[in-house]
Amino acid sequence: MSGIEFLAVLAALVTISSVAGSVAKAWAERAQVRRPGLPPEVDERLARIEQAVESIEAEVERVLDGLRFTTKLLAQRADDRAPTRPGRHDAR
């Protein structure tokens, strides 16, 4: 590839990238015009919903911890009560 061909390819790439950038910028600005900002009441309400969801998440995690603990205790109790057969070795 000669120097002139290289410069021609380089110029084409610069032109294409600048056009693509302009198109992307125009598209982004157009998308923002279509979506007006939310009123402050909606922002406040979303904040309250987010706080409520976080509270529910904490409670669900607490209940799941209790369930895991109970399941572990029941499994241990079942293992303790399970009859063992003579001559059979436990693989644990």
Foldseek 3Di string as FASTA:
>chain_A
DDPVVVVVVVVVVVVVVVVVVVVVVVVVVVVDVVDDDDDVVVVVVVVVVVVVVVVVVVVVVVVVVVVVVVVVVVVVVCVVPDDDDPPDDDPD
